[in-house]
Amino acid sequence: MSVKVMIPTPLRQYVGNRDAVSAEGRTVDEVLRNLASANMQIKRHLYDEGGQLRNFVNVYLNDEDIRYLQRGQTPVTEGDTVFIIPSIAGGSTGLASEFTYDDIQRYSRHLLLPEVGLEGQRKLKRAKVLVIGAGGLGSPLLLYLAAAGVGTIGIVDFDVVDFSNLQRQIIHSEKDVGRKKIDSAEESIRDINPTVKVVKFEERMTSDNALDIIKNFDIVVDGTDNFPTRYLVNDACVLLGKTSVYGSIYRFEGQVSVFEAKKGPCYRCLYESPPPPGLVPSCAEGGVVGVLPGIIGTIQAMEAIKLILREGEPLIGRLLLFDAMKMKFKELKLHKNPQCPVCGENPSIQKLIDYEEFCGLGRGNALSDELTITVEELSRKLNAKEPVVLVDVREPQEWEINRLEGAKFIPVNELPSRVSELSTADDIVVYCKGGQRSSYAVRFLRDIGFKKVKNLTGGIIEWVLKVDPSMMRY
């Protein structure tokens, strides 16, 4: 019967530069001898003058070392794969010496793939991938990169595990609540693949440290959930000549692309500037179905692995859109912008900037004190029965979870069409979950003539923490 024989890189020149050939035989020994008879040049590399298999040639049947089976007499069946793993006296091919018996078993399904094989697995082992964020996208990313055998994985995260994370951040479990995400993620990686080197950066990525963090990695995978860090990561990768794998999620939709400025567009070519603060809610405010980051993060992991292997067609110059509700993928072409401020023909950004300021979140863009009110101040006003109109700009499903008594419910996207329900003569306090959407609403109302409107700092979450802990927190 015929079985597949995987040929390592050093011996491919003797079989027409093929990485796999077919050979007949009922046992491993018959397969190898028939292979040698059909390819005489390879024979002396496999057998000594006495016709015995050389002692520096290891042979595996599927994922088992034949020395622990029946050696050359190990029977083969249709669909089996024989692996030849040689080393060379006085040196090494760099392949067999890098993998243990356990490694061969662990990665056996990879080794069966011509696009991977031993050479590809070596590339994975030597690769250094940095993952920004150990949350929704970071969870599947880190787990699959570790399982695939990526040798060095960097993690940037400074957050702690919360109960609300467990719905989607599968790298963490209930026992990890309160722990640093970076420590919980490392433990999960160790459980899957203890051979992976984990490099932890327990800090917020900023313009001051981004270049130092990124420079020693081959590929950066963006698992962030905010615009300042997203633009920061993009610009740092362009300046350092690094490839980044982009992913974003919101509610039931996701996006994936690969940005490599030398070959295609960067993130700024796609989105030159961010939306106004509060206009696009984060997942914490807008929600996300738990499975979605698993789908998008897994696609990001696949793109990173393809880049390492240099196989397939990466999503360079392409934006992949996913709609979970319709279960549809759509692909859009991306074009490099010659006027891009960071990767264009005459870039104006040649060093990292203040990204909080760029995204409208810096101190200069924050609401002044006269336009904000703390939860303690609001509580005193309400207890004193002072006339205050409360406006809740969250979504209906948030309103159902909790609300401030007597509040008027006007979702932020309905505010322009329902502004007639409010009076410029009233003292108005606007709130949302954390303060971002309500900040946007306050700016809008101020611009159209409401002079007595304020934003509740920290939103209803701050109210629950400092005023009324009996309210449901989400």
Protein backbone atom coordinates (compact mmCIF):
# COMPACT_ATOMS: atom_id res chain seq x y z
CA MET A 1 0.00 0.00 0.00
CA SER A 2 1.04 3.61 -0.52
CA VAL A 3 1.81 6.00 2.35
CA LYS A 4 3.06 9.57 2.50
CA VAL A 5 6.67 10.20 3.48
CA MET A 6 7.49 13.70 4.72
CA ILE A 7 10.93 14.81 3.55
CA PRO A 8 12.90 17.26 5.72
CA THR A 9 14.43 20.33 4.11
CA PRO A 10 18.06 19.04 3.92
CA LEU A 11 16.98 15.94 1.96
CA ARG A 12 14.46 17.51 -0.42
CA GLN A 13 17.14 18.15 -3.04
CA TYR A 14 17.38 14.38 -3.50
CA VAL A 15 13.67 13.93 -4.27
CA GLY A 16 13.08 16.74 -6.74
CA ASN A 17 12.75 19.41 -4.03
CA ARG A 18 9.49 17.91 -2.86
CA ASP A 19 8.45 18.09 0.79
CA ALA A 20 6.44 14.86 0.58
CA VAL A 21 6.50 11.76 -1.62
CA SER A 22 4.50 8.55 -1.80
CA ALA A 23 6.10 5.16 -1.28
CA GLU A 24 4.80 1.59 -1.22
CA GLY A 25 5.25 -0.87 1.60
CA ARG A 26 3.62 -2.92 4.33
CA THR A 27 6.06 -1.85 7.04
CA VAL A 28 8.06 1.29 7.75
CA ASP A 29 11.25 -0.46 6.63
CA GLU A 30 9.70 -1.49 3.29
CA VAL A 31 8.42 2.05 2.72
CA LEU A 32 11.85 3.60 3.36
CA ARG A 33 13.72 1.04 1.24
CA ASN A 34 11.31 1.54 -1.65
CA LEU A 35 11.77 5.28 -1.25
CA ALA A 36 15.55 4.83 -1.40
CA SER A 37 15.32 2.55 -4.45
CA ALA A 38 13.26 5.16 -6.30
CA ASN A 39 15.56 8.00 -5.23
CA MET A 40 19.09 6.60 -5.16
CA GLN A 41 20.72 9.84 -4.04
CA ILE A 42 18.82 9.83 -0.77
CA LYS A 43 19.82 6.26 0.01
CA ARG A 44 23.28 7.01 1.40
CA HIS A 45 21.79 9.61 3.73
CA LEU A 46 19.37 7.07 5.17
CA TYR A 47 21.38 3.82 5.19
CA ASP A 48 24.94 2.94 6.10
CA GLU A 49 27.18 0.60 4.04
CA GLY A 50 25.71 -2.39 5.83
CA GLY A 51 22.23 -1.42 4.76
CA GLN A 52 21.16 -0.38 8.27
CA LEU A 53 19.23 2.80 8.97
CA ARG A 54 21.75 5.36 10.14
CA ASN A 55 21.68 6.01 13.88
CA PHE A 56 21.32 9.76 13.42
CA VAL A 57 18.09 9.32 11.46
CA ASN A 58 14.92 9.21 13.54
CA VAL A 59 11.71 7.95 11.98
CA TYR A 60 8.16 8.60 13.15
CA LEU A 61 4.96 6.92 12.03
CA ASN A 62 2.28 9.57 12.34
CA ASP A 63 3.17 10.98 15.78
CA GLU A 64 4.95 7.94 17.24
CA ASP A 65 8.69 7.24 17.31
CA ILE A 66 9.12 3.79 15.71
CA ARG A 67 11.82 2.96 18.28
CA TYR A 68 8.96 2.70 20.78
CA LEU A 69 6.83 0.62 18.42
CA GLN A 70 8.25 -2.27 16.34
CA ARG A 71 11.08 -0.28 14.78
CA GLY A 72 11.39 -1.00 11.05
CA GLN A 73 8.84 -3.80 11.26
CA THR A 74 6.11 -1.42 12.41
CA PRO A 75 3.17 -2.05 10.03
CA VAL A 76 1.67 0.81 8.04
CA THR A 77 -1.84 1.29 6.77
CA GLU A 78 -3.45 3.43 4.09
CA GLY A 79 -3.43 7.10 5.10
CA ASP A 80 -0.41 6.83 7.43
CA THR A 81 2.42 9.35 7.27
CA VAL A 82 6.09 8.57 7.82
CA PHE A 83 8.37 11.38 9.02
CA ILE A 84 12.13 11.35 8.46
CA ILE A 85 13.94 13.47 11.04
CA PRO A 86 17.71 13.51 10.49
CA SER A 87 20.60 15.19 12.26
CA ILE A 88 24.06 15.55 10.75
CA ALA A 89 27.36 14.61 12.43
CA GLY A 90 29.36 17.69 13.37
CA GLY A 91 26.28 19.94 13.22
CA SER A 92 22.53 20.03 13.07
CA THR A 93 19.88 20.77 10.53
CA GLY A 94 18.28 22.98 13.15
CA LEU A 95 15.17 20.84 12.96
CA ALA A 96 15.38 17.58 14.87
CA SER A 97 17.58 19.04 17.59
CA GLU A 98 14.91 21.64 18.38
CA PHE A 99 12.11 19.16 19.04
CA THR A 100 11.69 16.58 21.75
CA TYR A 101 9.63 13.43 21.58
CA ASP A 102 6.83 15.27 23.38
CA ASP A 103 7.08 18.14 20.88
CA ILE A 104 6.59 15.77 17.96
CA GLN A 105 3.50 14.35 19.61
CA ARG A 106 2.16 17.78 20.57
CA TYR A 107 2.49 19.22 17.06
CA SER A 108 1.82 16.05 15.08
CA ARG A 109 -1.24 17.49 13.35
CA HIS A 110 0.83 20.46 12.24
CA LEU A 111 3.64 18.24 11.02
CA LEU A 112 1.19 16.42 8.76
CA LEU A 113 0.55 19.65 6.86
CA PRO A 114 2.92 20.33 3.95
CA GLU A 115 2.49 24.05 4.62
CA VAL A 116 3.85 23.57 8.13
CA GLY A 117 5.91 20.43 8.65
CA LEU A 118 9.07 20.53 10.76
CA GLU A 119 10.38 23.65 9.04
CA GLY A 120 7.16 25.55 9.71
CA GLN A 121 7.01 24.36 13.29
CA ARG A 122 10.54 25.63 13.75
CA LYS A 123 9.41 29.04 12.46
CA LEU A 124 6.59 29.04 14.99
CA LYS A 125 8.95 28.05 17.79
CA ARG A 126 11.35 30.86 16.94
CA ALA A 127 8.64 33.49 16.46
CA LYS A 128 8.00 36.33 18.89
CA VAL A 129 4.44 37.65 18.95
CA LEU A 130 3.19 40.52 21.10
CA VAL A 131 -0.49 40.53 22.08
CA ILE A 132 -1.91 43.83 23.30
CA GLY A 133 -4.60 43.01 25.83
CA ALA A 134 -5.55 39.82 27.66
CA GLY A 135 -9.30 40.40 27.37
CA GLY A 136 -11.95 39.36 24.86
CA LEU A 137 -9.76 39.24 21.75
CA GLY A 138 -6.61 38.42 23.68
CA SER A 139 -8.11 35.27 25.21
CA PRO A 140 -8.45 33.16 22.04
CA LEU A 141 -5.35 34.79 20.59
CA LEU A 142 -3.13 33.80 23.48
CA LEU A 143 -4.59 30.31 23.82
CA TYR A 144 -4.26 29.40 20.14
CA LEU A 145 -0.84 30.98 19.65
CA ALA A 146 0.43 29.06 22.66
CA ALA A 147 -1.17 25.80 21.52
CA ALA A 148 0.33 26.28 18.05
CA GLY A 149 3.82 26.47 19.52
CA VAL A 150 4.71 30.15 19.11
CA GLY A 151 7.93 30.24 21.08
CA THR A 152 7.72 33.68 22.69
CA ILE A 153 4.47 35.44 23.49
CA GLY A 154 4.42 38.93 24.95
CA ILE A 155 1.36 40.20 26.81
CA VAL A 156 0.55 43.84 27.56
CA ASP A 157 -2.19 44.31 30.15
CA PHE A 158 -2.64 46.14 33.45
CA ASP A 159 -6.26 45.23 34.29
CA VAL A 160 -7.68 42.74 36.78
CA VAL A 161 -10.24 40.00 36.15
CA ASP A 162 -13.86 40.99 36.83
CA PHE A 163 -16.96 38.79 36.90
CA SER A 164 -18.25 40.63 33.83
CA ASN A 165 -15.20 39.39 31.89
CA LEU A 166 -16.05 35.71 32.22
CA GLN A 167 -18.83 35.85 29.61
CA ARG A 168 -16.22 36.12 26.84
CA GLN A 169 -12.67 36.21 28.23
CA ILE A 170 -12.19 32.46 28.27
CA ILE A 171 -8.54 32.55 29.28
CA HIS A 172 -9.75 33.48 32.78
CA SER A 173 -12.02 31.58 35.17
CA GLU A 174 -14.05 32.37 38.26
CA LYS A 175 -11.13 31.56 40.53
CA ASP A 176 -9.18 34.35 38.82
CA VAL A 177 -11.61 37.15 39.69
CA GLY A 178 -9.58 39.89 41.34
CA ARG A 179 -6.27 38.62 39.92
CA LYS A 180 -4.18 40.48 37.43
CA LYS A 181 -5.22 39.41 33.95
CA ILE A 182 -1.61 39.10 32.88
CA ASP A 183 -0.93 36.53 35.62
CA SER A 184 -4.12 34.60 34.96
CA ALA A 185 -3.34 34.52 31.22
CA GLU A 186 0.20 33.29 31.83
CA GLU A 187 -1.09 30.45 34.00
CA SER A 188 -3.56 29.35 31.31
CA ILE A 189 -0.81 29.43 28.69
CA ARG A 190 1.41 27.28 30.91
CA ASP A 191 -1.41 24.77 31.32
CA ILE A 192 -1.70 24.44 27.53
CA ASN A 193 1.96 24.62 26.55
CA PRO A 194 4.65 24.95 29.22
CA THR A 195 7.38 25.31 26.57
CA VAL A 196 6.18 28.80 25.59
CA LYS A 197 8.16 31.75 26.92
CA VAL A 198 5.78 34.39 28.27
CA VAL A 199 7.01 37.98 28.51
CA LYS A 200 4.74 40.15 30.64
CA PHE A 201 4.31 43.92 30.44
CA GLU A 202 2.08 44.88 33.33
CA GLU A 203 1.62 48.48 32.29
CA ARG A 204 -0.47 50.75 30.14
CA MET A 205 1.05 51.16 26.69
CA THR A 206 1.95 54.81 26.14
CA SER A 207 3.98 56.93 23.77
CA ASP A 208 6.85 56.69 26.25
CA ASN A 209 7.12 52.89 26.34
CA ALA A 210 5.47 51.59 23.14
CA LEU A 211 8.58 51.50 20.96
CA ASP A 212 10.63 49.75 23.64
CA ILE A 213 7.91 47.13 24.18
CA ILE A 214 7.25 46.42 20.50
CA LYS A 215 10.77 46.52 19.06
CA ASN A 216 11.80 43.00 20.11
CA PHE A 217 8.76 41.24 18.62
CA ASP A 218 8.16 40.04 15.06
CA ILE A 219 4.40 40.55 14.92
CA VAL A 220 2.01 42.65 17.00
CA VAL A 221 -1.59 41.53 17.44
CA ASP A 222 -3.96 44.30 18.49
CA GLY A 223 -6.54 43.16 21.03
CA THR A 224 -7.27 46.63 22.39
CA ASP A 225 -10.67 48.15 23.08
CA ASN A 226 -9.98 51.88 22.84
CA PHE A 227 -9.01 54.30 20.10
CA PRO A 228 -5.92 55.95 21.69
CA THR A 229 -4.11 52.62 22.10
CA ARG A 230 -5.21 51.48 18.63
CA TYR A 231 -3.67 54.53 16.94
CA LEU A 232 -0.62 54.29 19.18
CA VAL A 233 -0.02 50.63 18.25
CA ASN A 234 -0.47 51.40 14.56
CA ASP A 235 1.94 54.32 14.53
CA ALA A 236 4.56 52.49 16.59
CA CYS A 237 4.42 49.49 14.24
CA VAL A 238 4.77 51.72 11.17
CA LEU A 239 7.74 53.56 12.68
CA LEU A 240 9.43 50.26 13.61
CA GLY A 241 8.52 48.47 10.37
CA LYS A 242 6.47 45.84 12.22
CA THR A 243 3.38 44.00 11.00
CA SER A 244 0.22 44.32 13.08
CA VAL A 245 -2.90 42.16 13.04
CA TYR A 246 -5.96 44.30 13.69
CA GLY A 247 -9.24 43.17 15.17
CA SER A 248 -12.24 44.98 16.59
CA ILE A 249 -15.62 43.90 17.94
CA TYR A 250 -18.92 45.56 18.81
CA ARG A 251 -22.17 43.86 19.75
CA PHE A 252 -22.58 41.27 16.95
CA GLU A 253 -20.06 42.55 14.40
CA GLY A 254 -16.32 42.35 13.97
CA GLN A 255 -13.47 43.45 11.72
CA VAL A 256 -10.06 41.94 10.94
CA SER A 257 -7.16 43.12 8.79
CA VAL A 258 -3.37 42.97 8.61
CA PHE A 259 -1.43 46.20 8.43
CA GLU A 260 2.06 46.12 6.97
CA ALA A 261 2.98 49.58 5.75
CA LYS A 262 5.74 48.34 3.43
CA LYS A 263 3.24 46.24 1.45
CA GLY A 264 -0.11 47.93 1.99
CA PRO A 265 -2.16 50.38 4.05
CA CYS A 266 -2.01 51.01 7.77
CA TYR A 267 -4.84 51.62 10.23
CA ARG A 268 -4.72 55.38 9.57
CA CYS A 269 -5.26 54.70 5.86
CA LEU A 270 -8.52 53.05 6.89
CA TYR A 271 -9.53 55.52 9.61
CA GLU A 272 -7.51 58.72 9.39
CA SER A 273 -9.05 60.14 12.56
CA PRO A 274 -11.09 58.74 15.46
CA PRO A 275 -14.78 59.47 16.12
CA PRO A 276 -15.69 62.08 18.76
CA PRO A 277 -15.47 60.78 22.34
CA GLY A 278 -18.67 59.05 23.40
CA LEU A 279 -20.08 58.64 19.88
CA VAL A 280 -18.93 55.03 19.51
CA PRO A 281 -19.47 53.13 22.79
CA SER A 282 -16.93 50.59 23.93
CA CYS A 283 -17.94 46.98 24.54
CA ALA A 284 -18.26 47.88 28.22
CA GLU A 285 -20.96 50.38 27.33
CA GLY A 286 -22.44 48.98 24.12
CA GLY A 287 -22.13 45.28 24.88
CA VAL A 288 -20.79 42.34 22.90
CA VAL A 289 -22.05 38.78 22.43
CA GLY A 290 -19.60 36.48 24.17
CA VAL A 291 -18.81 34.27 21.18
CA LEU A 292 -17.86 37.18 18.88
CA PRO A 293 -14.38 37.91 20.32
CA GLY A 294 -13.69 34.18 20.08
CA ILE A 295 -14.42 34.25 16.35
CA ILE A 296 -12.51 37.46 15.62
CA GLY A 297 -9.61 36.64 17.94
CA THR A 298 -9.24 33.20 16.38
CA ILE A 299 -9.08 34.76 12.90
CA GLN A 300 -6.39 37.13 14.18
CA ALA A 301 -4.45 34.14 15.53
CA MET A 302 -4.74 32.43 12.14
CA GLU A 303 -3.42 35.54 10.39
CA ALA A 304 -0.46 35.71 12.78
CA ILE A 305 0.38 32.05 12.15
CA LYS A 306 0.18 32.55 8.37
CA LEU A 307 2.55 35.51 8.66
CA ILE A 308 5.01 33.43 10.68
CA LEU A 309 4.86 30.52 8.23
CA ARG A 310 4.84 32.86 5.22
CA GLU A 311 2.05 30.79 3.77
CA GLY A 312 -1.32 31.68 2.33
CA GLU A 313 -2.65 35.17 1.64
CA PRO A 314 -2.65 37.49 4.67
CA LEU A 315 -5.34 40.14 4.96
CA ILE A 316 -2.97 42.87 3.79
CA GLY A 317 -4.97 45.44 1.84
CA ARG A 318 -8.21 43.68 2.77
CA LEU A 319 -10.75 44.31 5.53
CA LEU A 320 -12.77 41.28 6.62
CA LEU A 321 -16.19 42.13 8.05
CA PHE A 322 -18.23 39.63 10.06
CA ASP A 323 -21.91 39.86 10.96
CA ALA A 324 -22.77 37.20 13.52
CA MET A 325 -26.53 37.77 13.30
CA LYS A 326 -26.56 37.06 9.58
CA MET A 327 -23.57 34.69 9.81
CA LYS A 328 -21.97 36.41 6.85
CA PHE A 329 -18.46 37.48 5.99
CA LYS A 330 -17.73 40.32 3.61
CA GLU A 331 -14.38 41.48 2.28
CA LEU A 332 -13.51 45.04 1.30
CA LYS A 333 -10.41 46.24 -0.51
CA LEU A 334 -8.20 48.70 1.33
CA HIS A 335 -5.93 51.16 -0.44
CA LYS A 336 -2.79 52.83 0.80
CA ASN A 337 -3.34 56.55 1.26
CA PRO A 338 -0.45 58.51 -0.31
CA GLN A 339 -1.31 61.38 2.07
CA CYS A 340 -1.39 59.15 5.16
CA PRO A 341 0.28 61.15 7.98
CA VAL A 342 2.28 58.13 9.18
CA CYS A 343 2.88 55.79 6.21
CA GLY A 344 2.28 58.12 3.25
CA GLU A 345 4.78 59.62 0.83
CA ASN A 346 5.52 62.60 3.07
CA PRO A 347 4.58 61.51 6.60
CA SER A 348 4.03 64.26 9.15
CA ILE A 349 4.12 61.85 12.09
CA GLN A 350 7.71 60.76 12.59
CA LYS A 351 7.50 60.13 16.32
CA LEU A 352 4.77 59.04 18.69
CA ILE A 353 2.31 61.73 19.73
CA ASP A 354 -0.18 62.32 22.58
CA TYR A 355 -2.89 59.83 21.59
CA GLU A 356 -5.31 60.73 24.37
CA GLU A 357 -5.27 64.28 23.05
CA PHE A 358 -5.51 63.10 19.44
CA CYS A 359 -8.61 61.06 20.25
CA GLY A 360 -10.22 63.94 22.15
CA LEU A 361 -9.69 62.40 25.57
CA GLY A 362 -6.87 64.61 26.82
CA ARG A 363 -7.22 67.18 29.55
CA GLY A 364 -7.61 69.90 26.98
CA ASN A 365 -10.69 68.13 25.62
CA ALA A 366 -12.23 67.18 28.94
CA LEU A 367 -15.36 68.90 30.13
CA SER A 368 -14.61 71.80 32.43
CA ASP A 369 -15.55 71.53 36.10
CA GLU A 370 -18.56 73.78 35.58
CA LEU A 371 -19.97 71.21 33.14
CA THR A 372 -19.57 68.20 35.45
CA ILE A 373 -21.09 67.07 38.72
CA THR A 374 -19.93 64.30 41.05
CA VAL A 375 -22.24 61.59 42.32
CA GLU A 376 -21.88 62.98 45.85
CA GLU A 377 -22.95 66.45 44.72
CA LEU A 378 -25.91 65.05 42.81
CA SER A 379 -26.96 62.97 45.80
CA ARG A 380 -26.98 66.07 48.03
CA LYS A 381 -29.09 67.98 45.51
CA LEU A 382 -31.62 65.16 45.22
CA ASN A 383 -31.82 64.69 48.99
CA ALA A 384 -32.37 68.43 49.35
CA LYS A 385 -35.22 68.22 46.80
CA GLU A 386 -33.51 70.70 44.51
CA PRO A 387 -35.09 70.80 41.05
CA VAL A 388 -32.88 68.66 38.80
CA VAL A 389 -33.86 66.99 35.54
CA LEU A 390 -32.05 63.68 35.13
CA VAL A 391 -31.49 62.44 31.59
CA ASP A 392 -30.41 58.84 31.02
CA VAL A 393 -28.75 58.45 27.59
CA ARG A 394 -28.05 54.72 27.80
CA GLU A 395 -29.68 51.94 25.79
CA PRO A 396 -33.06 50.30 26.65
CA GLN A 397 -31.45 47.09 27.93
CA GLU A 398 -29.28 49.12 30.32
CA TRP A 399 -32.31 51.08 31.53
CA GLU A 400 -33.93 47.76 32.47
CA ILE A 401 -30.99 46.76 34.67
CA ASN A 402 -30.91 49.91 36.82
CA ARG A 403 -31.76 53.63 36.69
CA LEU A 404 -31.89 56.74 38.83
CA GLU A 405 -35.38 57.41 40.15
CA GLY A 406 -37.28 59.99 38.15
CA ALA A 407 -34.85 60.05 35.23
CA LYS A 408 -36.00 60.82 31.71
CA PHE A 409 -34.89 58.11 29.28
CA ILE A 410 -33.50 59.40 25.97
CA PRO A 411 -30.85 57.15 24.32
CA VAL A 412 -27.95 59.24 23.03
CA ASN A 413 -28.65 58.45 19.38
CA GLU A 414 -32.24 59.69 19.81
CA LEU A 415 -31.25 62.92 21.53
CA PRO A 416 -31.16 65.14 18.40
CA SER A 417 -34.72 64.16 17.43
CA ARG A 418 -36.10 64.37 20.99
CA VAL A 419 -34.37 67.48 22.25
CA SER A 420 -37.75 69.27 22.33
CA GLU A 421 -38.62 67.16 25.37
CA LEU A 422 -36.05 69.17 27.36
CA SER A 423 -36.12 72.81 28.46
CA THR A 424 -33.15 75.18 28.43
CA ALA A 425 -34.54 76.69 31.65
CA ASP A 426 -34.01 73.49 33.65
CA ASP A 427 -30.93 72.34 35.52
CA ILE A 428 -30.11 69.11 33.68
CA VAL A 429 -27.78 66.29 34.71
CA VAL A 430 -26.99 63.73 31.99
CA TYR A 431 -25.66 60.28 32.83
CA CYS A 432 -24.72 57.00 31.15
CA LYS A 433 -22.84 53.97 32.37
CA GLY A 434 -19.37 55.46 32.80
CA GLY A 435 -19.55 59.05 31.61
CA GLN A 436 -18.42 58.92 27.97
CA ARG A 437 -21.75 58.93 26.15
CA SER A 438 -23.19 61.48 28.54
CA SER A 439 -20.16 63.69 27.94
CA TYR A 440 -20.91 63.61 24.22
CA ALA A 441 -24.56 64.43 24.98
CA VAL A 442 -23.60 67.40 27.18
CA ARG A 443 -21.41 68.83 24.41
CA PHE A 444 -24.26 68.46 21.93
CA LEU A 445 -26.78 70.14 24.24
CA ARG A 446 -24.37 72.98 25.07
CA ASP A 447 -23.81 73.60 21.37
CA ILE A 448 -27.54 74.08 20.73
CA GLY A 449 -28.17 76.45 23.63
CA PHE A 450 -28.54 74.42 26.84
CA LYS A 451 -26.41 76.36 29.34
CA LYS A 452 -27.51 74.62 32.54
CA VAL A 453 -26.54 71.04 31.66
CA LYS A 454 -23.92 68.94 33.42
CA ASN A 455 -22.35 65.49 33.03
CA LEU A 456 -22.43 62.99 35.89
CA THR A 457 -18.79 62.04 36.42
CA GLY A 458 -18.31 58.27 36.40
CA GLY A 459 -21.92 57.64 35.41
CA ILE A 460 -24.27 55.22 37.12
CA ILE A 461 -21.38 52.86 37.94
CA GLU A 462 -19.88 55.56 40.15
CA TRP A 463 -23.30 56.11 41.70
CA VAL A 464 -23.57 52.43 42.60
CA LEU A 465 -20.06 52.38 44.07
CA LYS A 466 -20.30 55.56 46.15
CA VAL A 467 -23.98 56.31 46.75
CA ASP A 468 -26.24 53.29 46.43
CA PRO A 469 -24.43 49.90 46.53
CA SER A 470 -27.81 48.13 46.65
CA MET A 471 -28.38 48.94 42.96
CA MET A 472 -27.51 46.30 40.38
CA ARG A 473 -24.07 46.81 38.83
CA TYR A 474 -23.27 45.64 35.31
